[in-house]
Amino acid sequence: MKIQREHFFGARLCAERQPQRVQTSAAGLRHSRAPRRSEDGMATVLFIALLAIMLILVTAESRALWQLHREVKFLQQQQIKRLNVTMTNTVSTATSEIK
């Protein structure tokens, strides 16, 4: 098993010692195979930004759900009070059995 040099020295040092291969695409543009460090950093920043946006959305949704839960409890208590008042205002008729 062959050990790669980049594991010991890092990919950057190995890339400096070796010439980069250049490919020509179908459109005739030339580009190198080696990734650029600025592109890797930009991907990391973009990933962290997306995670932050998702965290903000989750926090906002959980707060909205908590407020809705409180409102439903309040409405339920109002309904119970309203229904109990109508039950106490009814006239109860006693029926006696005649033998």
C-alpha atoms as a PDB file:
ATOM      1  CA  MET A   1       0.000   0.000   0.000  1.00  0.00           C
ATOM      2  CA  LYS A   2       1.422   3.323  -1.082  1.00  0.00           C
ATOM      3  CA  ILE A   3       1.199   6.265   1.341  1.00  0.00           C
ATOM      4  CA  GLN A   4       0.313   9.568  -0.268  1.00  0.00           C
ATOM      5  CA  ARG A   5       2.652  12.489   0.356  1.00  0.00           C
ATOM      6  CA  GLU A   6      -0.221  14.879   0.934  1.00  0.00           C
ATOM      7  CA  HIS A   7      -1.163  13.059   4.158  1.00  0.00           C
ATOM      8  CA  PHE A   8       2.171  14.095   5.686  1.00  0.00           C
ATOM      9  CA  PHE A   9       2.868  17.445   4.058  1.00  0.00           C
ATOM     10  CA  GLY A  10      -0.619  18.660   3.218  1.00  0.00           C
ATOM     11  CA  ALA A  11      -2.173  18.986  -0.200  1.00  0.00           C
ATOM     12  CA  ARG A  12      -0.924  22.542  -0.629  1.00  0.00           C
ATOM     13  CA  LEU A  13       2.779  21.690  -0.314  1.00  0.00           C
ATOM     14  CA  CYS A  14       2.449  18.730  -2.650  1.00  0.00           C
ATOM     15  CA  ALA A  15       0.595  20.882  -5.155  1.00  0.00           C
ATOM     16  CA  GLU A  16       3.437  23.440  -5.079  1.00  0.00           C
ATOM     17  CA  ARG A  17       6.025  20.772  -5.824  1.00  0.00           C
ATOM     18  CA  GLN A  18       4.078  19.114  -8.622  1.00  0.00           C
ATOM     19  CA  PRO A  19       2.909  20.921 -11.741  1.00  0.00           C
ATOM     20  CA  GLN A  20      -0.859  21.151 -11.982  1.00  0.00           C
ATOM     21  CA  ARG A  21      -2.561  19.339 -14.801  1.00  0.00           C
ATOM     22  CA  VAL A  22      -4.669  21.506 -17.035  1.00  0.00           C
ATOM     23  CA  GLN A  23      -7.680  20.161 -18.885  1.00  0.00           C
ATOM     24  CA  THR A  24      -9.347  21.650 -21.895  1.00  0.00           C
ATOM     25  CA  SER A  25     -13.118  21.416 -21.888  1.00  0.00           C
ATOM     26  CA  ALA A  26     -15.362  21.010 -24.923  1.00  0.00           C
ATOM     27  CA  ALA A  27     -15.838  24.781 -25.108  1.00  0.00           C
ATOM     28  CA  GLY A  28     -12.090  25.285 -25.339  1.00  0.00           C
ATOM     29  CA  LEU A  29     -11.752  26.747 -21.811  1.00  0.00           C
ATOM     30  CA  ARG A  30      -8.815  25.694 -19.713  1.00  0.00           C
ATOM     31  CA  HIS A  31      -9.230  24.857 -16.037  1.00  0.00           C
ATOM     32  CA  SER A  32      -7.122  23.043 -13.465  1.00  0.00           C
ATOM     33  CA  ARG A  33      -8.189  19.977 -11.532  1.00  0.00           C
ATOM     34  CA  ALA A  34      -6.903  21.218  -8.176  1.00  0.00           C
ATOM     35  CA  PRO A  35      -9.550  22.979  -6.034  1.00  0.00           C
ATOM     36  CA  ARG A  36      -8.837  26.492  -4.931  1.00  0.00           C
ATOM     37  CA  ARG A  37      -8.710  27.322  -1.227  1.00  0.00           C
ATOM     38  CA  SER A  38     -10.945  30.375  -1.674  1.00  0.00           C
ATOM     39  CA  GLU A  39     -13.696  28.186  -3.160  1.00  0.00           C
ATOM     40  CA  ASP A  40     -13.463  25.816  -0.194  1.00  0.00           C
ATOM     41  CA  GLY A  41     -13.717  28.749   2.216  1.00  0.00           C
ATOM     42  CA  MET A  42     -16.686  30.182   0.365  1.00  0.00           C
ATOM     43  CA  ALA A  43     -18.518  26.852   0.548  1.00  0.00           C
ATOM     44  CA  THR A  44     -17.924  26.765   4.307  1.00  0.00           C
ATOM     45  CA  VAL A  45     -19.217  30.311   4.766  1.00  0.00           C
ATOM     46  CA  LEU A  46     -22.275  29.533   2.646  1.00  0.00           C
ATOM     47  CA  PHE A  47     -22.962  26.363   4.656  1.00  0.00           C
ATOM     48  CA  ILE A  48     -22.714  28.230   7.972  1.00  0.00           C
ATOM     49  CA  ALA A  49     -25.012  30.970   6.654  1.00  0.00           C
ATOM     50  CA  LEU A  50     -27.623  28.394   5.609  1.00  0.00           C
ATOM     51  CA  LEU A  51     -27.417  26.749   9.032  1.00  0.00           C
ATOM     52  CA  ALA A  52     -27.942  30.140  10.705  1.00  0.00           C
ATOM     53  CA  ILE A  53     -30.994  30.851   8.538  1.00  0.00           C
ATOM     54  CA  MET A  54     -32.433  27.427   9.357  1.00  0.00           C
ATOM     55  CA  LEU A  55     -31.844  28.010  13.079  1.00  0.00           C
ATOM     56  CA  ILE A  56     -33.659  31.357  12.897  1.00  0.00           C
ATOM     57  CA  LEU A  57     -36.613  29.745  11.111  1.00  0.00           C
ATOM     58  CA  VAL A  58     -36.851  26.889  13.615  1.00  0.00           C
ATOM     59  CA  THR A  59     -36.757  29.349  16.515  1.00  0.00           C
ATOM     60  CA  ALA A  60     -39.483  31.503  14.965  1.00  0.00           C
ATOM     61  CA  GLU A  61     -41.678  28.474  14.264  1.00  0.00           C
ATOM     62  CA  SER A  62     -41.327  27.102  17.779  1.00  0.00           C
ATOM     63  CA  ARG A  63     -42.232  30.494  19.254  1.00  0.00           C
ATOM     64  CA  ALA A  64     -45.304  30.733  16.992  1.00  0.00           C
ATOM     65  CA  LEU A  65     -46.383  27.224  17.992  1.00  0.00           C
ATOM     66  CA  TRP A  66     -45.981  28.083  21.674  1.00  0.00           C
ATOM     67  CA  GLN A  67     -48.149  31.203  21.236  1.00  0.00           C
ATOM     68  CA  LEU A  68     -50.786  29.206  19.354  1.00  0.00           C
ATOM     69  CA  HIS A  69     -50.833  26.627  22.123  1.00  0.00           C
ATOM     70  CA  ARG A  70     -51.445  29.376  24.706  1.00  0.00           C
ATOM     71  CA  GLU A  71     -54.246  30.835  22.595  1.00  0.00           C
ATOM     72  CA  VAL A  72     -55.940  27.446  22.214  1.00  0.00           C
ATOM     73  CA  LYS A  73     -55.785  26.897  25.985  1.00  0.00           C
ATOM     74  CA  PHE A  74     -57.310  30.341  26.553  1.00  0.00           C
ATOM     75  CA  LEU A  75     -60.123  29.670  24.064  1.00  0.00           C
ATOM     76  CA  GLN A  76     -60.768  26.298  25.643  1.00  0.00           C
ATOM     77  CA  GLN A  77     -61.098  27.890  29.080  1.00  0.00           C
ATOM     78  CA  GLN A  78     -63.509  30.478  27.670  1.00  0.00           C
ATOM     79  CA  GLN A  79     -65.609  27.734  26.066  1.00  0.00           C
ATOM     80  CA  ILE A  80     -65.742  25.759  29.307  1.00  0.00           C
ATOM     81  CA  LYS A  81     -66.846  28.867  31.244  1.00  0.00           C
ATOM     82  CA  ARG A  82     -69.494  29.687  28.638  1.00  0.00           C
ATOM     83  CA  LEU A  83     -70.878  26.156  28.614  1.00  0.00           C
ATOM     84  CA  ASN A  84     -70.920  25.917  32.415  1.00  0.00           C
ATOM     85  CA  VAL A  85     -72.893  29.183  32.691  1.00  0.00           C
ATOM     86  CA  THR A  86     -75.594  27.898  30.359  1.00  0.00           C
ATOM     87  CA  MET A  87     -75.825  24.679  32.331  1.00  0.00           C
ATOM     88  CA  THR A  88     -76.417  26.527  35.614  1.00  0.00           C
ATOM     89  CA  ASN A  89     -79.124  28.749  34.111  1.00  0.00           C
ATOM     90  CA  THR A  90     -81.267  25.841  32.986  1.00  0.00           C
ATOM     91  CA  VAL A  91     -84.341  25.006  34.977  1.00  0.00           C
ATOM     92  CA  SER A  92     -84.180  21.569  36.377  1.00  0.00           C
ATOM     93  CA  THR A  93     -87.556  19.898  36.458  1.00  0.00           C
ATOM     94  CA  ALA A  94     -88.135  17.241  38.974  1.00  0.00           C
ATOM     95  CA  THR A  95     -90.278  14.433  37.790  1.00  0.00           C
ATOM     96  CA  SER A  96     -92.056  12.385  40.321  1.00  0.00           C
ATOM     97  CA  GLU A  97     -93.417   9.054  39.607  1.00  0.00           C
ATOM     98  CA  ILE A  98     -97.025   8.608  40.412  1.00  0.00           C
ATOM     99  CA  LYS A  99     -97.966   5.206  41.704  1.00  0.00           C
END
